N, C-alpha and C. Protein backbone atom coordinates (compact mmCIF):
# COMPACT_ATOMS: atom_id res chain seq x y z
N UNK A 1 -0.55 99.14 -4.20
CA UNK A 1 -1.48 98.03 -4.15
C UNK A 1 -2.41 98.27 -2.94
N UNK A 2 -3.67 97.95 -3.12
CA UNK A 2 -4.71 98.05 -2.10
C UNK A 2 -4.73 96.76 -1.31
N UNK A 3 -4.01 96.74 -0.14
CA UNK A 3 -3.95 95.51 0.67
C UNK A 3 -5.30 95.13 1.24
N UNK A 4 -6.15 96.11 1.48
CA UNK A 4 -7.49 95.81 2.08
C UNK A 4 -8.25 95.03 1.05
N UNK A 5 -8.21 95.45 -0.22
CA UNK A 5 -8.89 94.70 -1.26
C UNK A 5 -8.35 93.25 -1.43
N UNK A 6 -7.04 93.14 -1.40
CA UNK A 6 -6.45 91.82 -1.51
C UNK A 6 -6.87 90.93 -0.31
N UNK A 7 -6.87 91.51 0.93
CA UNK A 7 -7.27 90.78 2.10
C UNK A 7 -8.71 90.35 2.01
N UNK A 8 -9.59 91.20 1.53
CA UNK A 8 -10.99 90.91 1.38
C UNK A 8 -11.16 89.76 0.39
N UNK A 9 -10.47 89.83 -0.78
CA UNK A 9 -10.48 88.79 -1.77
C UNK A 9 -10.11 87.46 -1.22
N UNK A 10 -8.97 87.49 -0.47
CA UNK A 10 -8.47 86.24 0.18
C UNK A 10 -9.36 85.70 1.18
N UNK A 11 -9.95 86.56 2.02
CA UNK A 11 -10.91 86.10 3.04
C UNK A 11 -12.16 85.50 2.43
N UNK A 12 -12.65 86.13 1.35
CA UNK A 12 -13.86 85.65 0.65
C UNK A 12 -13.53 84.24 0.06
N UNK A 13 -12.41 84.11 -0.60
CA UNK A 13 -12.05 82.82 -1.17
C UNK A 13 -11.90 81.75 -0.09
N UNK A 14 -11.34 82.14 1.01
CA UNK A 14 -11.14 81.21 2.14
C UNK A 14 -12.52 80.72 2.62
N UNK A 15 -13.46 81.60 2.75
CA UNK A 15 -14.84 81.19 3.16
C UNK A 15 -15.44 80.24 2.20
N UNK A 16 -15.28 80.48 0.89
CA UNK A 16 -15.80 79.62 -0.16
C UNK A 16 -15.22 78.23 -0.01
N UNK A 17 -13.90 78.17 0.14
CA UNK A 17 -13.20 76.89 0.27
C UNK A 17 -13.69 76.11 1.54
N UNK A 18 -13.84 76.85 2.63
CA UNK A 18 -14.31 76.25 3.87
C UNK A 18 -15.65 75.65 3.70
N UNK A 19 -16.55 76.33 3.05
CA UNK A 19 -17.87 75.85 2.72
C UNK A 19 -17.84 74.59 1.88
N UNK A 20 -16.92 74.61 0.84
CA UNK A 20 -16.78 73.45 -0.05
C UNK A 20 -16.28 72.26 0.70
N UNK A 21 -15.36 72.50 1.68
CA UNK A 21 -14.76 71.36 2.45
C UNK A 21 -15.82 70.78 3.32
N UNK A 22 -16.75 71.54 3.90
CA UNK A 22 -17.80 71.04 4.70
C UNK A 22 -18.72 70.17 3.88
N UNK A 23 -19.06 70.65 2.71
CA UNK A 23 -19.91 69.88 1.75
C UNK A 23 -19.26 68.59 1.35
N UNK A 24 -17.92 68.66 1.00
CA UNK A 24 -17.26 67.40 0.61
C UNK A 24 -17.26 66.40 1.76
N UNK A 25 -16.97 66.88 2.95
CA UNK A 25 -16.91 65.99 4.10
C UNK A 25 -18.26 65.39 4.37
N UNK A 26 -19.34 66.15 4.13
CA UNK A 26 -20.70 65.67 4.36
C UNK A 26 -20.96 64.50 3.38
N UNK A 27 -20.60 64.78 2.04
CA UNK A 27 -20.80 63.77 1.03
C UNK A 27 -20.02 62.48 1.29
N UNK A 28 -18.76 62.67 1.77
CA UNK A 28 -17.93 61.48 2.07
C UNK A 28 -18.51 60.70 3.26
N UNK A 29 -19.26 61.32 4.12
CA UNK A 29 -19.83 60.64 5.34
C UNK A 29 -21.12 59.86 4.99
N UNK A 30 -21.60 60.03 3.76
CA UNK A 30 -22.86 59.33 3.36
C UNK A 30 -22.58 57.82 3.41
N UNK A 31 -23.61 57.03 3.83
CA UNK A 31 -23.41 55.57 3.88
C UNK A 31 -23.24 54.99 2.44
N UNK A 32 -22.50 53.93 2.42
CA UNK A 32 -22.21 53.23 1.12
C UNK A 32 -23.46 52.46 0.70
N UNK A 33 -23.77 52.47 -0.58
CA UNK A 33 -24.90 51.61 -1.06
C UNK A 33 -24.59 50.11 -0.84
N UNK A 34 -25.64 49.31 -0.79
CA UNK A 34 -25.47 47.85 -0.61
C UNK A 34 -25.10 47.13 -1.87
N UNK A 35 -25.56 47.63 -3.03
CA UNK A 35 -25.25 47.03 -4.27
C UNK A 35 -23.74 47.20 -4.61
N UNK A 36 -23.06 46.17 -5.03
CA UNK A 36 -21.67 46.16 -5.34
C UNK A 36 -21.34 47.13 -6.44
N UNK A 37 -22.09 47.19 -7.53
CA UNK A 37 -21.79 48.07 -8.63
C UNK A 37 -21.99 49.51 -8.19
N UNK A 38 -23.07 49.79 -7.42
CA UNK A 38 -23.26 51.16 -6.94
C UNK A 38 -22.16 51.51 -5.98
N UNK A 39 -21.69 50.56 -5.21
CA UNK A 39 -20.65 50.85 -4.27
C UNK A 39 -19.37 51.19 -4.97
N UNK A 40 -19.00 50.48 -6.05
CA UNK A 40 -17.84 50.79 -6.80
C UNK A 40 -17.93 52.15 -7.45
N UNK A 41 -19.05 52.49 -7.95
CA UNK A 41 -19.22 53.81 -8.55
C UNK A 41 -19.10 54.89 -7.44
N UNK A 42 -19.71 54.63 -6.28
CA UNK A 42 -19.66 55.58 -5.19
C UNK A 42 -18.21 55.77 -4.72
N UNK A 43 -17.46 54.70 -4.68
CA UNK A 43 -15.99 54.77 -4.26
C UNK A 43 -15.21 55.67 -5.23
N UNK A 44 -15.48 55.54 -6.56
CA UNK A 44 -14.85 56.39 -7.52
C UNK A 44 -15.13 57.82 -7.29
N UNK A 45 -16.44 58.07 -6.98
CA UNK A 45 -16.88 59.45 -6.70
C UNK A 45 -16.14 59.97 -5.40
N UNK A 46 -16.02 59.12 -4.42
CA UNK A 46 -15.38 59.51 -3.20
C UNK A 46 -13.90 59.85 -3.46
N UNK A 47 -13.26 59.13 -4.33
CA UNK A 47 -11.83 59.40 -4.64
C UNK A 47 -11.70 60.77 -5.26
N UNK A 48 -12.67 61.13 -6.15
CA UNK A 48 -12.67 62.48 -6.77
C UNK A 48 -12.86 63.51 -5.68
N UNK A 49 -13.85 63.28 -4.80
CA UNK A 49 -14.06 64.29 -3.74
C UNK A 49 -12.88 64.41 -2.84
N UNK A 50 -12.25 63.29 -2.46
CA UNK A 50 -11.03 63.37 -1.67
C UNK A 50 -9.95 64.20 -2.33
N UNK A 51 -9.80 64.01 -3.62
CA UNK A 51 -8.76 64.77 -4.38
C UNK A 51 -9.12 66.27 -4.40
N UNK A 52 -10.36 66.57 -4.59
CA UNK A 52 -10.84 67.96 -4.53
C UNK A 52 -10.59 68.56 -3.09
N UNK A 53 -10.88 67.78 -2.11
CA UNK A 53 -10.68 68.21 -0.77
C UNK A 53 -9.24 68.52 -0.48
N UNK A 54 -8.34 67.68 -0.95
CA UNK A 54 -6.93 67.92 -0.74
C UNK A 54 -6.42 69.20 -1.41
N UNK A 55 -7.00 69.43 -2.66
CA UNK A 55 -6.62 70.66 -3.42
C UNK A 55 -7.13 71.87 -2.70
N UNK A 56 -8.36 71.75 -2.12
CA UNK A 56 -8.92 72.92 -1.38
C UNK A 56 -8.14 73.18 -0.08
N UNK A 57 -7.71 72.13 0.60
CA UNK A 57 -6.90 72.30 1.77
C UNK A 57 -5.53 72.95 1.46
N UNK A 58 -4.97 72.60 0.40
CA UNK A 58 -3.66 73.19 -0.01
C UNK A 58 -3.86 74.70 -0.31
N UNK A 59 -4.98 74.98 -1.02
CA UNK A 59 -5.25 76.39 -1.39
C UNK A 59 -5.53 77.20 -0.06
N UNK A 60 -6.19 76.57 0.92
CA UNK A 60 -6.45 77.19 2.21
C UNK A 60 -5.14 77.53 2.90
N UNK A 61 -4.19 76.58 2.83
CA UNK A 61 -2.88 76.83 3.44
C UNK A 61 -2.20 78.03 2.85
N UNK A 62 -2.26 78.08 1.51
CA UNK A 62 -1.62 79.22 0.76
C UNK A 62 -2.33 80.57 1.16
N UNK A 63 -3.67 80.50 1.23
CA UNK A 63 -4.40 81.73 1.61
C UNK A 63 -4.03 82.15 3.03
N UNK A 64 -4.00 81.17 3.98
CA UNK A 64 -3.63 81.53 5.33
C UNK A 64 -2.22 82.12 5.38
N UNK A 65 -1.31 81.57 4.60
CA UNK A 65 0.07 82.13 4.58
C UNK A 65 0.05 83.54 4.05
N UNK A 66 -0.67 83.80 3.01
CA UNK A 66 -0.80 85.13 2.41
C UNK A 66 -1.40 86.10 3.42
N UNK A 67 -2.44 85.70 4.12
CA UNK A 67 -3.02 86.52 5.15
C UNK A 67 -2.05 86.84 6.23
N UNK A 68 -1.28 85.85 6.57
CA UNK A 68 -0.16 86.08 7.58
C UNK A 68 0.90 87.08 7.08
N UNK A 69 1.18 87.02 5.79
CA UNK A 69 2.17 88.03 5.24
C UNK A 69 1.53 89.40 5.21
N UNK A 70 0.24 89.52 4.99
CA UNK A 70 -0.42 90.84 5.02
C UNK A 70 -0.36 91.35 6.47
N UNK A 71 -0.62 90.52 7.39
CA UNK A 71 -0.63 90.85 8.79
C UNK A 71 0.77 91.35 9.30
N UNK A 72 1.80 90.62 8.82
CA UNK A 72 3.17 90.99 9.31
C UNK A 72 3.85 92.01 8.38
N UNK A 73 3.23 92.43 7.36
CA UNK A 73 3.77 93.47 6.46
C UNK A 73 4.72 92.99 5.41
N UNK A 74 4.77 91.65 5.21
CA UNK A 74 5.71 91.11 4.17
C UNK A 74 4.98 90.73 2.91
N UNK A 75 3.69 90.98 2.82
CA UNK A 75 2.91 90.68 1.57
C UNK A 75 3.48 91.48 0.44
N UNK A 76 3.72 90.81 -0.67
CA UNK A 76 4.20 91.55 -1.84
C UNK A 76 5.74 91.59 -1.98
N UNK A 77 6.41 90.92 -1.00
CA UNK A 77 7.85 90.85 -0.95
C UNK A 77 8.20 89.34 -1.23
N UNK A 78 9.06 89.12 -2.18
CA UNK A 78 9.47 87.77 -2.53
C UNK A 78 10.21 87.11 -1.35
N UNK A 79 9.68 85.93 -0.97
CA UNK A 79 10.29 85.21 0.15
C UNK A 79 11.67 84.64 -0.13
N UNK A 80 12.07 84.62 -1.39
CA UNK A 80 13.36 84.07 -1.77
C UNK A 80 14.43 85.14 -1.96
N UNK A 81 14.07 86.18 -2.79
CA UNK A 81 15.10 87.19 -3.15
C UNK A 81 14.89 88.52 -2.44
N UNK A 82 13.69 88.73 -1.88
CA UNK A 82 13.38 89.99 -1.17
C UNK A 82 12.97 91.12 -2.09
N UNK A 83 12.92 90.91 -3.39
CA UNK A 83 12.36 91.91 -4.25
C UNK A 83 10.87 92.00 -4.15
N UNK A 84 10.33 93.08 -4.71
CA UNK A 84 8.83 93.32 -4.75
C UNK A 84 8.25 92.31 -5.76
N UNK A 85 7.12 91.72 -5.35
CA UNK A 85 6.35 90.94 -6.32
C UNK A 85 5.45 91.91 -7.09
N UNK A 86 5.38 91.76 -8.40
CA UNK A 86 4.64 92.74 -9.18
C UNK A 86 3.15 92.69 -8.84
N UNK A 87 2.58 93.86 -8.98
CA UNK A 87 1.13 93.93 -8.70
C UNK A 87 0.34 93.06 -9.66
N UNK A 88 0.77 92.94 -10.92
CA UNK A 88 0.12 92.10 -11.91
C UNK A 88 0.12 90.64 -11.38
N UNK A 89 1.28 90.20 -10.87
CA UNK A 89 1.35 88.79 -10.40
C UNK A 89 0.46 88.62 -9.18
N UNK A 90 0.44 89.62 -8.27
CA UNK A 90 -0.40 89.47 -7.06
C UNK A 90 -1.84 89.48 -7.42
N UNK A 91 -2.24 90.27 -8.49
CA UNK A 91 -3.61 90.24 -8.90
C UNK A 91 -4.00 88.92 -9.52
N UNK A 92 -3.04 88.32 -10.27
CA UNK A 92 -3.33 87.03 -10.92
C UNK A 92 -3.24 85.88 -9.87
N UNK A 93 -2.23 85.94 -9.01
CA UNK A 93 -2.05 84.90 -7.99
C UNK A 93 -1.95 85.57 -6.59
N UNK A 94 -3.08 85.89 -5.97
CA UNK A 94 -3.03 86.61 -4.73
C UNK A 94 -2.22 85.92 -3.60
N UNK A 95 -2.03 84.65 -3.70
CA UNK A 95 -1.30 83.86 -2.70
C UNK A 95 0.22 83.78 -2.99
N UNK A 96 0.68 84.44 -4.04
CA UNK A 96 2.08 84.30 -4.48
C UNK A 96 3.02 84.72 -3.35
N UNK A 97 3.99 83.90 -3.03
CA UNK A 97 5.00 84.23 -2.06
C UNK A 97 6.35 84.50 -2.78
N UNK A 98 6.41 84.23 -4.03
CA UNK A 98 7.62 84.41 -4.85
C UNK A 98 7.40 85.35 -5.98
N UNK A 99 8.39 86.10 -6.40
CA UNK A 99 8.30 86.91 -7.60
C UNK A 99 8.33 85.97 -8.84
N UNK A 100 8.05 86.53 -9.98
CA UNK A 100 7.98 85.75 -11.19
C UNK A 100 9.39 85.10 -11.46
N UNK A 101 10.48 85.79 -11.20
CA UNK A 101 11.78 85.24 -11.50
C UNK A 101 12.13 84.06 -10.60
N UNK A 102 11.75 84.18 -9.32
CA UNK A 102 12.09 83.08 -8.36
C UNK A 102 11.09 81.92 -8.46
N UNK A 103 9.91 82.19 -8.98
CA UNK A 103 8.92 81.08 -9.12
C UNK A 103 9.33 80.25 -10.29
C-alpha cells in the first residue's frame, strides 16, 4: 500500500472539511431575520448546518486519528485484533481503524 498516497488523500479531505466548517460557522453567525416566519425557516436551516458541522467534525477526528496511525506506523493494523486491514478496505474507508471482521 502506498502510504504517501493515503496520507495525501487524507490531508486533502481534511482541508476540504476545514473549509466547509469555516463556511458553516460563517453562515451560522449571520444575523436572524426580524420576520417570525423567516426566523423559523432560518432556524431550521441552522439546525441542518449544525448537524452537518457535527458530522464534519467527527470525520475530521477520524482523519486526524488515521494520520496519527500513519505517523506512528500502525496504519493498516487493526486496533482490536492486530491483523492487517485489507488494502481494499483502506481504499474504501481510509480512516478505518478496524479490519472488516472486527468492524
